[in-house]
Amino acid sequence: MAARPDVVVLGAGVSGLSTGIRLVESGARVLVRTAAPPAHTTSALAGAMVGPNLSPPGDPQRAWTDETLRVLGAEPLPGVAWRDGTLAARPEGATPSFADQTPGFRSLGDDERPAGFGTAFTVRLPLVDMPVYLAYLLERFRDAGGEVRVAPVASLDEAATSAPVVVNCAGLAARTLTGDTGLHPVRGPRIVVRNPGLDRFFMEAPMAPTWASIFPHGDHVVLGGGQRRSDDTTPDPAEEADVLARCVAIEPALAAAEILEHRVGLRPGRAAPRVEAERRGDALVVHNYGHAGNGVMLSWGCAREAAALALGGTPPA
């Protein structure tokens, strides 16, 4: 990038790249600075299922999720596959509000529910194979004229020396950049096995410390889940065995599946995402972080709002 950028985006995960795309496709000169390339970010370790949209009307997360679902459904995108699957909960009568508005919704009867679940229904939602999808986002951003530089910043003030507008999509690193004590690491294992022939997904709710999730992506399946506050990214064999046992109880075909990968990511936990602008001296800083385990689901909606703030417009309602 020969000319000084109009905007510097911090972070090359799904939030940073989506926001960068919105900015550069609006005509801005955009530089992304990141501590790691997209394939080595936390986003690359996501499952990832988008939806269902269960946020109530008036909650910003409802509009953000709707925008992501709109973008993912507008045209075929690399790494994105719309699939039928089952959402289930242990208690009876636990179908959440607005679930019946999800495409493909059908409540499952007693003889259709997995053993041990009092509530279950089918839906049709997009699953995202994150390594493939992030590669697509990176290519799209660069093709539009954006630049990615693996060179993390030590402070927001340092970032502001690169461009008059800074968009903070640094995920968990935003804790250091902003001093936000409400941001904390949430450990989550990603276990990938060879696909024994599954094409439907399964997700247990609500997301307690442990649950079962099964997300098939062609020749492999991403299994979860678990979450606990920790900054330890060391794979735990006992945690792996527990995840596998819970998933095998749902899909016995997984019992003999070859394990291809076991990695641990740290979600940027926060009570609610932070998407807002502030002035720091002569610079405009727009924050877009703290999405916890919903970074992919909220990505395009938050990117639209963050880009509007960065470009001086009114964020969409």
Protein backbone atom coordinates (compact mmCIF):
# COMPACT_ATOMS: atom_id res chain seq x y z
CA MET A 1 0.00 0.00 0.00
CA ALA A 2 1.83 3.07 -1.25
CA ALA A 3 -0.41 5.76 0.26
CA ARG A 4 -1.05 6.14 3.98
CA PRO A 5 -4.09 4.04 4.93
CA ASP A 6 -7.36 5.68 5.88
CA VAL A 7 -8.05 2.96 8.45
CA VAL A 8 -5.91 0.48 10.33
CA VAL A 9 -7.75 -2.62 11.56
CA LEU A 10 -6.26 -4.55 14.46
CA GLY A 11 -6.73 -8.30 14.17
CA ALA A 12 -7.08 -10.74 11.25
CA GLY A 13 -9.70 -13.07 12.67
CA VAL A 14 -13.24 -13.24 11.36
CA SER A 15 -14.17 -9.86 12.90
CA GLY A 16 -11.10 -8.05 11.58
CA LEU A 17 -11.32 -9.45 8.06
CA SER A 18 -15.09 -8.94 7.76
CA THR A 19 -14.75 -5.34 8.95
CA GLY A 20 -11.76 -4.80 6.67
CA ILE A 21 -13.79 -6.04 3.71
CA ARG A 22 -16.68 -3.71 4.50
CA LEU A 23 -14.25 -0.78 4.70
CA VAL A 24 -12.14 -1.50 1.64
CA GLU A 25 -15.19 -2.29 -0.50
CA SER A 26 -16.55 1.12 0.53
CA GLY A 27 -13.48 2.76 -0.99
CA ALA A 28 -11.23 3.17 2.05
CA ARG A 29 -7.52 2.36 2.05
CA VAL A 30 -7.23 -0.30 4.75
CA LEU A 31 -4.29 -1.88 6.52
CA VAL A 32 -4.83 -4.87 8.82
CA ARG A 33 -2.18 -5.34 11.49
CA THR A 34 -2.22 -8.65 13.28
CA ALA A 35 -0.21 -10.74 15.70
CA ALA A 36 -0.81 -13.85 13.57
CA PRO A 37 -2.05 -14.65 10.06
CA PRO A 38 -5.74 -15.61 9.79
CA ALA A 39 -5.07 -19.37 9.81
CA HIS A 40 -3.44 -19.04 13.25
CA THR A 41 -6.08 -16.87 14.92
CA THR A 42 -8.70 -17.99 17.45
CA SER A 43 -11.28 -17.75 14.65
CA ALA A 44 -9.62 -20.65 12.84
CA LEU A 45 -10.54 -22.90 15.78
CA ALA A 46 -14.28 -22.17 15.74
CA GLY A 47 -16.86 -24.89 14.96
CA ALA A 48 -18.78 -22.93 13.58
CA MET A 49 -22.58 -22.85 13.34
CA VAL A 50 -24.41 -19.60 12.60
CA GLY A 51 -27.78 -19.28 14.31
CA PRO A 52 -30.45 -19.78 15.27
CA ASN A 53 -31.19 -16.16 16.03
CA LEU A 54 -32.69 -16.28 19.52
CA SER A 55 -31.99 -12.70 20.62
CA PRO A 56 -35.14 -10.67 21.36
CA PRO A 57 -36.25 -7.76 19.18
CA GLY A 58 -34.35 -4.61 20.11
CA ASP A 59 -31.21 -6.49 21.13
CA PRO A 60 -28.35 -5.40 18.83
CA GLN A 61 -27.23 -9.02 18.58
CA ARG A 62 -30.47 -9.90 16.80
CA ALA A 63 -29.78 -7.45 13.97
CA TRP A 64 -26.11 -8.46 13.85
CA THR A 65 -27.01 -12.15 13.51
CA ASP A 66 -29.65 -11.43 10.87
CA GLU A 67 -27.05 -9.58 8.79
CA THR A 68 -24.59 -12.47 8.99
CA LEU A 69 -27.29 -14.94 7.97
CA ARG A 70 -28.23 -12.66 5.08
CA VAL A 71 -24.65 -12.48 3.80
CA LEU A 72 -24.03 -16.21 4.14
CA GLY A 73 -27.29 -16.98 2.35
CA ALA A 74 -26.99 -14.45 -0.47
CA GLU A 75 -24.61 -16.53 -2.60
CA PRO A 76 -22.43 -19.64 -2.27
CA LEU A 77 -19.29 -18.86 -0.26
CA PRO A 78 -16.20 -21.04 0.20
CA GLY A 79 -16.36 -22.97 3.46
CA VAL A 80 -20.07 -22.29 4.03
CA ALA A 81 -22.61 -25.12 3.78
CA TRP A 82 -26.28 -24.91 4.78
CA ARG A 83 -27.20 -28.13 6.57
CA ASP A 84 -30.10 -29.70 8.42
CA GLY A 85 -29.50 -30.67 12.00
CA THR A 86 -30.86 -31.06 15.50
CA LEU A 87 -30.80 -28.69 18.44
CA ALA A 88 -31.60 -30.33 21.77
CA ALA A 89 -31.85 -29.61 25.49
CA ARG A 90 -32.11 -31.93 28.48
CA PRO A 91 -35.21 -30.36 30.12
CA GLU A 92 -38.70 -30.72 28.67
CA GLY A 93 -40.43 -27.69 27.21
CA ALA A 94 -37.17 -25.83 26.59
CA THR A 95 -37.81 -24.63 23.03
CA PRO A 96 -36.60 -21.00 23.12
CA SER A 97 -38.56 -18.03 21.88
CA PHE A 98 -38.17 -17.28 18.18
CA ALA A 99 -36.77 -20.76 17.42
CA ASP A 100 -39.85 -21.53 15.31
CA GLN A 101 -38.85 -18.69 12.96
CA THR A 102 -35.69 -20.57 11.95
CA PRO A 103 -35.67 -22.18 8.48
CA GLY A 104 -36.52 -25.88 8.59
CA PHE A 105 -37.93 -25.74 12.13
CA ARG A 106 -39.79 -28.86 13.23
CA SER A 107 -40.28 -30.01 16.78
CA LEU A 108 -39.27 -33.65 17.37
CA GLY A 109 -41.57 -36.09 19.10
CA ASP A 110 -40.74 -38.48 21.91
CA ASP A 111 -39.69 -41.23 19.50
CA GLU A 112 -37.39 -38.89 17.51
CA ARG A 113 -35.42 -37.16 20.25
CA PRO A 114 -31.98 -38.40 21.27
CA ALA A 115 -32.00 -40.38 24.51
CA GLY A 116 -31.81 -38.17 27.58
CA PHE A 117 -33.20 -35.04 25.89
CA GLY A 118 -36.61 -33.62 26.76
CA THR A 119 -36.62 -31.01 23.98
CA ALA A 120 -35.34 -31.27 20.41
CA PHE A 121 -36.12 -29.73 17.05
CA THR A 122 -34.64 -29.67 13.58
CA VAL A 123 -33.48 -26.53 11.78
CA ARG A 124 -31.48 -25.60 8.69
CA LEU A 125 -28.46 -23.39 9.36
CA PRO A 126 -25.06 -22.57 7.83
CA LEU A 127 -22.00 -24.42 9.09
CA VAL A 128 -18.68 -22.70 8.42
CA ASP A 129 -15.41 -24.55 7.85
CA MET A 130 -13.26 -21.80 9.31
CA PRO A 131 -9.85 -22.47 7.73
CA VAL A 132 -11.46 -22.45 4.27
CA TYR A 133 -13.67 -19.47 5.05
CA LEU A 134 -10.85 -17.36 6.52
CA ALA A 135 -8.74 -18.02 3.42
CA TYR A 136 -11.65 -16.75 1.32
CA LEU A 137 -12.04 -13.61 3.46
CA LEU A 138 -8.32 -12.89 3.22
CA GLU A 139 -8.32 -13.27 -0.57
CA ARG A 140 -11.42 -11.09 -0.94
CA PHE A 141 -9.89 -8.38 1.25
CA ARG A 142 -6.61 -8.38 -0.66
CA ASP A 143 -8.32 -8.49 -4.06
CA ALA A 144 -10.20 -5.33 -3.09
CA GLY A 145 -6.92 -3.56 -2.34
CA GLY A 146 -6.47 -4.20 1.37
CA GLU A 147 -3.11 -5.02 2.95
CA VAL A 148 -2.38 -7.42 5.82
CA ARG A 149 0.77 -6.98 7.86
CA VAL A 150 1.83 -9.44 10.57
CA ALA A 151 3.01 -6.76 12.99
CA PRO A 152 1.03 -6.41 16.22
CA VAL A 153 0.72 -3.03 17.91
CA ALA A 154 1.65 -2.38 21.52
CA SER A 155 -1.03 0.27 22.07
CA LEU A 156 -3.93 2.07 20.44
CA ASP A 157 -1.81 5.22 20.37
CA GLU A 158 0.81 3.38 18.34
CA ALA A 159 -1.89 2.16 15.94
CA ALA A 160 -3.10 5.74 15.53
CA THR A 161 0.28 6.73 14.09
CA SER A 162 -0.54 4.49 11.10
CA ALA A 163 -3.94 5.95 10.23
CA PRO A 164 -6.44 8.53 11.49
CA VAL A 165 -9.00 5.78 12.17
CA VAL A 166 -8.30 2.62 14.18
CA VAL A 167 -10.72 -0.30 14.31
CA ASN A 168 -10.00 -2.57 17.25
CA CYS A 169 -10.91 -6.17 16.32
CA ALA A 170 -8.12 -7.63 18.43
CA GLY A 171 -10.23 -10.22 20.26
CA LEU A 172 -8.73 -11.20 23.59
CA ALA A 173 -5.73 -8.92 22.97
CA ALA A 174 -8.12 -5.97 23.31
CA ARG A 175 -7.89 -6.54 27.07
CA THR A 176 -4.32 -5.21 27.01
CA LEU A 177 -5.01 -2.50 24.44
CA THR A 178 -8.03 -1.05 26.27
CA GLY A 179 -7.67 -2.11 29.90
CA ASP A 180 -11.13 -3.70 29.66
CA THR A 181 -11.38 -5.79 32.83
CA GLY A 182 -14.66 -7.30 31.64
CA LEU A 183 -12.83 -9.18 28.87
CA HIS A 184 -11.55 -12.62 29.85
CA PRO A 185 -10.29 -15.83 28.21
CA VAL A 186 -12.72 -18.72 27.79
CA ARG A 187 -10.97 -21.97 26.97
CA GLY A 188 -12.54 -24.17 24.30
CA PRO A 189 -11.25 -27.42 22.78
CA ARG A 190 -11.48 -28.12 19.04
CA ILE A 191 -11.39 -31.83 18.26
CA VAL A 192 -11.48 -32.86 14.61
CA VAL A 193 -12.16 -36.43 13.49
CA ARG A 194 -12.46 -38.11 10.12
CA ASN A 195 -16.07 -38.06 8.99
CA PRO A 196 -17.64 -41.55 9.20
CA GLY A 197 -20.46 -40.43 6.89
CA LEU A 198 -22.38 -37.77 8.81
CA ASP A 199 -24.10 -34.90 7.05
CA ARG A 200 -26.40 -33.58 9.80
CA PHE A 201 -25.19 -31.44 12.69
CA PHE A 202 -26.12 -31.70 16.36
CA MET A 203 -25.93 -29.03 19.07
CA GLU A 204 -26.82 -29.35 22.72
CA ALA A 205 -28.08 -26.29 24.56
CA PRO A 206 -27.81 -24.33 26.71
CA MET A 207 -24.05 -23.95 26.56
CA ALA A 208 -23.07 -24.98 30.09
CA PRO A 209 -19.46 -25.83 31.07
CA THR A 210 -19.79 -28.96 28.90
CA TRP A 211 -22.12 -30.00 26.10
CA ALA A 212 -22.10 -32.02 22.89
CA SER A 213 -21.75 -30.50 19.42
CA ILE A 214 -21.17 -32.30 16.14
CA PHE A 215 -20.45 -30.21 13.04
CA PRO A 216 -19.71 -32.16 9.83
CA HIS A 217 -17.62 -30.40 7.19
CA GLY A 218 -17.23 -32.78 4.26
CA ASP A 219 -14.44 -35.21 5.06
CA HIS A 220 -14.08 -34.18 8.71
CA VAL A 221 -16.21 -33.42 11.75
CA VAL A 222 -15.54 -30.79 14.41
CA LEU A 223 -16.56 -31.95 17.88
CA GLY A 224 -17.19 -29.91 21.04
CA GLY A 225 -17.75 -28.65 23.44
CA GLY A 226 -16.58 -27.13 26.60
CA GLN A 227 -15.95 -23.76 28.10
CA ARG A 228 -14.25 -22.59 31.24
CA ARG A 229 -12.41 -19.46 32.22
CA SER A 230 -8.75 -20.22 31.63
CA ASP A 231 -5.82 -18.99 29.57
CA ASP A 232 -4.35 -22.50 29.22
CA THR A 233 -4.21 -23.70 25.61
CA THR A 234 -2.62 -27.09 26.34
CA PRO A 235 -4.71 -29.98 24.95
CA ASP A 236 -6.03 -32.16 27.79
CA PRO A 237 -6.43 -35.92 27.06
CA ALA A 238 -9.11 -36.24 29.75
CA GLU A 239 -11.08 -33.37 28.22
CA GLU A 240 -10.73 -34.97 24.79
CA ALA A 241 -12.06 -38.30 26.10
CA ASP A 242 -15.01 -36.53 27.74
CA VAL A 243 -15.93 -34.64 24.56
CA LEU A 244 -15.69 -37.81 22.48
CA ALA A 245 -17.83 -39.79 24.94
CA ARG A 246 -20.60 -37.18 24.90
CA CYS A 247 -20.59 -36.98 21.10
CA VAL A 248 -20.48 -40.77 20.64
CA ALA A 249 -23.55 -41.04 22.88
CA ILE A 250 -25.36 -38.93 20.26
CA GLU A 251 -23.74 -40.41 17.14
CA PRO A 252 -22.35 -43.94 17.75
CA ALA A 253 -20.69 -43.87 14.31
CA LEU A 254 -18.09 -41.51 15.80
CA ALA A 255 -16.76 -44.19 18.15
CA ALA A 256 -14.23 -45.47 15.62
CA ALA A 257 -13.51 -42.16 13.91
CA GLU A 258 -9.84 -41.27 13.55
CA ILE A 259 -8.79 -38.19 15.51
CA LEU A 260 -7.12 -35.73 13.15
CA GLU A 261 -6.59 -32.71 15.37
CA HIS A 262 -6.93 -31.51 18.94
CA ARG A 263 -6.25 -27.84 19.61
CA VAL A 264 -7.47 -25.35 22.18
CA GLY A 265 -8.59 -21.79 21.54
CA LEU A 266 -9.36 -18.90 23.86
CA ARG A 267 -12.64 -17.16 23.17
CA PRO A 268 -12.81 -13.44 24.07
CA GLY A 269 -15.42 -13.67 26.82
CA ARG A 270 -17.43 -10.58 27.72
CA ALA A 271 -20.94 -9.88 29.06
CA ALA A 272 -21.79 -8.31 25.67
CA PRO A 273 -19.80 -7.40 22.56
CA ARG A 274 -18.36 -3.91 22.46
CA VAL A 275 -19.14 -2.10 19.21
CA GLU A 276 -18.71 1.64 19.70
CA ALA A 277 -16.50 4.59 18.80
CA GLU A 278 -14.39 6.92 20.92
CA ARG A 279 -11.98 9.77 20.32
CA ARG A 280 -8.36 9.37 21.43
CA GLY A 281 -6.66 12.69 20.72
CA ASP A 282 -6.86 13.27 16.99
CA ALA A 283 -7.71 9.64 16.22
CA LEU A 284 -11.08 7.92 15.97
CA VAL A 285 -11.03 4.47 17.55
CA VAL A 286 -13.84 2.03 16.80
CA HIS A 287 -14.10 -1.05 19.00
CA ASN A 288 -15.43 -4.37 17.70
CA TYR A 289 -14.51 -7.11 20.16
CA GLY A 290 -15.77 -9.30 22.99
CA HIS A 291 -17.98 -11.65 20.95
CA ALA A 292 -17.28 -14.66 23.22
CA GLY A 293 -18.30 -17.82 21.33
CA ASN A 294 -20.42 -15.91 18.79
CA GLY A 295 -17.73 -14.23 16.71
CA VAL A 296 -18.67 -15.91 13.45
CA MET A 297 -22.41 -15.53 14.06
CA LEU A 298 -22.15 -11.79 14.72
CA SER A 299 -19.34 -11.09 12.26
CA TRP A 300 -21.05 -9.42 9.32
CA GLY A 301 -23.52 -7.48 11.45
CA CYS A 302 -20.82 -6.09 13.72
CA ALA A 303 -18.61 -5.42 10.67
CA ARG A 304 -21.37 -3.37 9.07
CA GLU A 305 -21.83 -1.28 12.22
CA ALA A 306 -18.11 -0.87 12.91
CA ALA A 307 -17.43 0.17 9.32
CA ALA A 308 -20.22 2.75 9.44
CA LEU A 309 -18.75 4.22 12.62
CA ALA A 310 -15.27 4.26 11.11
CA LEU A 311 -16.44 6.00 7.95
CA GLY A 312 -18.38 8.63 9.87
CA GLY A 313 -21.84 7.40 8.94
CA THR A 314 -24.79 6.37 11.05
CA PRO A 315 -24.72 2.72 12.14
CA PRO A 316 -27.64 0.75 10.65
CA ALA A 317 -30.61 0.15 12.90
